[in-house]
Amino acid sequence: MMTSKITLHIARFAIGLWFTFEKFWIGHLASPPQRVPTERRGYSGPSSGKESRQEEMKMEVKRNNETKSIDLQRMK
């Protein structure tokens, strides 16, 4: 009776170790995280300041799973 409990605990521990190993090590080896190059704000040339100001003037509103872009200059 006691040996079966010890065996059960050892088996659970081994399975837990295996799943942890598989999730954190093999998973990263199979699909490494993809890095997308991001643009720095104000880096793409003389027109970037104008574009960033226009981006700040727009606001996205989510309502009933629909995304709408509202121009804040029109609301003034």
C-alpha atoms as a PDB file:
ATOM      1  CA  MET A   1       0.000   0.000   0.000  1.00  0.00           C
ATOM      2  CA  MET A   2       2.717   2.455   0.958  1.00  0.00           C
ATOM      3  CA  THR A   3       4.903   1.613  -2.043  1.00  0.00           C
ATOM      4  CA  SER A   4       1.999   2.229  -4.410  1.00  0.00           C
ATOM      5  CA  LYS A   5       1.507   5.709  -2.935  1.00  0.00           C
ATOM      6  CA  ILE A   6       5.214   6.464  -3.294  1.00  0.00           C
ATOM      7  CA  THR A   7       5.164   5.164  -6.873  1.00  0.00           C
ATOM      8  CA  LEU A   8       2.117   7.332  -7.607  1.00  0.00           C
ATOM      9  CA  HIS A   9       3.864  10.445  -6.258  1.00  0.00           C
ATOM     10  CA  ILE A  10       7.005   9.707  -8.253  1.00  0.00           C
ATOM     11  CA  ALA A  11       4.947   9.172 -11.421  1.00  0.00           C
ATOM     12  CA  ARG A  12       3.039  12.447 -10.915  1.00  0.00           C
ATOM     13  CA  PHE A  13       6.296  14.295 -10.311  1.00  0.00           C
ATOM     14  CA  ALA A  14       7.863  12.815 -13.453  1.00  0.00           C
ATOM     15  CA  ILE A  15       4.825  13.698 -15.576  1.00  0.00           C
ATOM     16  CA  GLY A  16       4.840  17.252 -14.180  1.00  0.00           C
ATOM     17  CA  LEU A  17       8.523  17.617 -14.974  1.00  0.00           C
ATOM     18  CA  TRP A  18       7.984  16.310 -18.494  1.00  0.00           C
ATOM     19  CA  PHE A  19       5.129  18.721 -19.247  1.00  0.00           C
ATOM     20  CA  THR A  20       7.111  21.642 -17.822  1.00  0.00           C
ATOM     21  CA  PHE A  21      10.124  20.673 -19.922  1.00  0.00           C
ATOM     22  CA  GLU A  22       7.977  20.254 -23.025  1.00  0.00           C
ATOM     23  CA  LYS A  23       6.177  23.576 -22.581  1.00  0.00           C
ATOM     24  CA  PHE A  24       9.144  25.811 -21.808  1.00  0.00           C
ATOM     25  CA  TRP A  25      11.996  24.158 -23.703  1.00  0.00           C
ATOM     26  CA  ILE A  26      10.722  22.063 -26.606  1.00  0.00           C
ATOM     27  CA  GLY A  27       7.948  24.565 -27.367  1.00  0.00           C
ATOM     28  CA  HIS A  28      10.470  27.387 -27.738  1.00  0.00           C
ATOM     29  CA  LEU A  29      12.698  25.257 -29.922  1.00  0.00           C
ATOM     30  CA  ALA A  30       9.805  24.280 -32.187  1.00  0.00           C
ATOM     31  CA  SER A  31       8.540  27.836 -32.724  1.00  0.00           C
ATOM     32  CA  PRO A  32      10.873  30.625 -31.637  1.00  0.00           C
ATOM     33  CA  PRO A  33       9.173  33.958 -30.951  1.00  0.00           C
ATOM     34  CA  GLN A  34       8.897  36.110 -34.063  1.00  0.00           C
ATOM     35  CA  ARG A  35      10.273  39.618 -33.764  1.00  0.00           C
ATOM     36  CA  VAL A  36       8.644  42.221 -35.951  1.00  0.00           C
ATOM     37  CA  PRO A  37      10.796  45.276 -36.658  1.00  0.00           C
ATOM     38  CA  THR A  38       9.082  48.349 -35.269  1.00  0.00           C
ATOM     39  CA  GLU A  39       9.543  51.869 -36.577  1.00  0.00           C
ATOM     40  CA  ARG A  40      10.702  54.494 -34.167  1.00  0.00           C
ATOM     41  CA  ARG A  41       8.429  57.483 -33.881  1.00  0.00           C
ATOM     42  CA  GLY A  42       9.764  60.380 -35.901  1.00  0.00           C
ATOM     43  CA  TYR A  43      12.332  58.307 -37.754  1.00  0.00           C
ATOM     44  CA  SER A  44      10.884  57.899 -41.238  1.00  0.00           C
ATOM     45  CA  GLY A  45      11.684  61.390 -42.519  1.00  0.00           C
ATOM     46  CA  PRO A  46      10.379  64.948 -42.567  1.00  0.00           C
ATOM     47  CA  SER A  47       6.720  63.944 -42.943  1.00  0.00           C
ATOM     48  CA  SER A  48       6.760  61.753 -39.813  1.00  0.00           C
ATOM     49  CA  GLY A  49       5.895  64.602 -37.435  1.00  0.00           C
ATOM     50  CA  LYS A  50       2.817  65.436 -39.429  1.00  0.00           C
ATOM     51  CA  GLU A  51       1.732  61.773 -39.530  1.00  0.00           C
ATOM     52  CA  SER A  52       2.193  61.325 -35.791  1.00  0.00           C
ATOM     53  CA  ARG A  53       0.058  64.406 -35.118  1.00  0.00           C
ATOM     54  CA  GLN A  54      -2.676  63.012 -37.343  1.00  0.00           C
ATOM     55  CA  GLU A  55      -2.491  59.671 -35.521  1.00  0.00           C
ATOM     56  CA  GLU A  56      -2.936  61.452 -32.191  1.00  0.00           C
ATOM     57  CA  MET A  57      -6.004  63.256 -33.515  1.00  0.00           C
ATOM     58  CA  LYS A  58      -7.791  59.995 -34.257  1.00  0.00           C
ATOM     59  CA  MET A  59      -9.319  57.740 -31.645  1.00  0.00           C
ATOM     60  CA  GLU A  60     -10.602  54.188 -32.024  1.00  0.00           C
ATOM     61  CA  VAL A  61     -13.922  53.349 -30.407  1.00  0.00           C
ATOM     62  CA  LYS A  62     -15.046  49.774 -29.840  1.00  0.00           C
ATOM     63  CA  ARG A  63     -18.775  49.251 -29.664  1.00  0.00           C
ATOM     64  CA  ASN A  64     -20.553  45.915 -30.149  1.00  0.00           C
ATOM     65  CA  ASN A  65     -17.350  44.254 -31.447  1.00  0.00           C
ATOM     66  CA  GLU A  66     -16.974  46.913 -34.163  1.00  0.00           C
ATOM     67  CA  THR A  67     -13.991  49.229 -34.279  1.00  0.00           C
ATOM     68  CA  LYS A  68     -14.624  52.733 -35.549  1.00  0.00           C
ATOM     69  CA  SER A  69     -12.092  55.490 -36.018  1.00  0.00           C
ATOM     70  CA  ILE A  70     -13.284  58.922 -34.932  1.00  0.00           C
ATOM     71  CA  ASP A  71     -11.533  62.073 -36.047  1.00  0.00           C
ATOM     72  CA  LEU A  72     -11.222  64.320 -32.985  1.00  0.00           C
ATOM     73  CA  GLN A  73     -10.860  67.498 -35.073  1.00  0.00           C
ATOM     74  CA  ARG A  74     -14.407  67.060 -36.393  1.00  0.00           C
ATOM     75  CA  MET A  75     -15.762  66.763 -32.848  1.00  0.00           C
ATOM     76  CA  LYS A  76     -14.379  70.164 -31.805  1.00  0.00           C
END
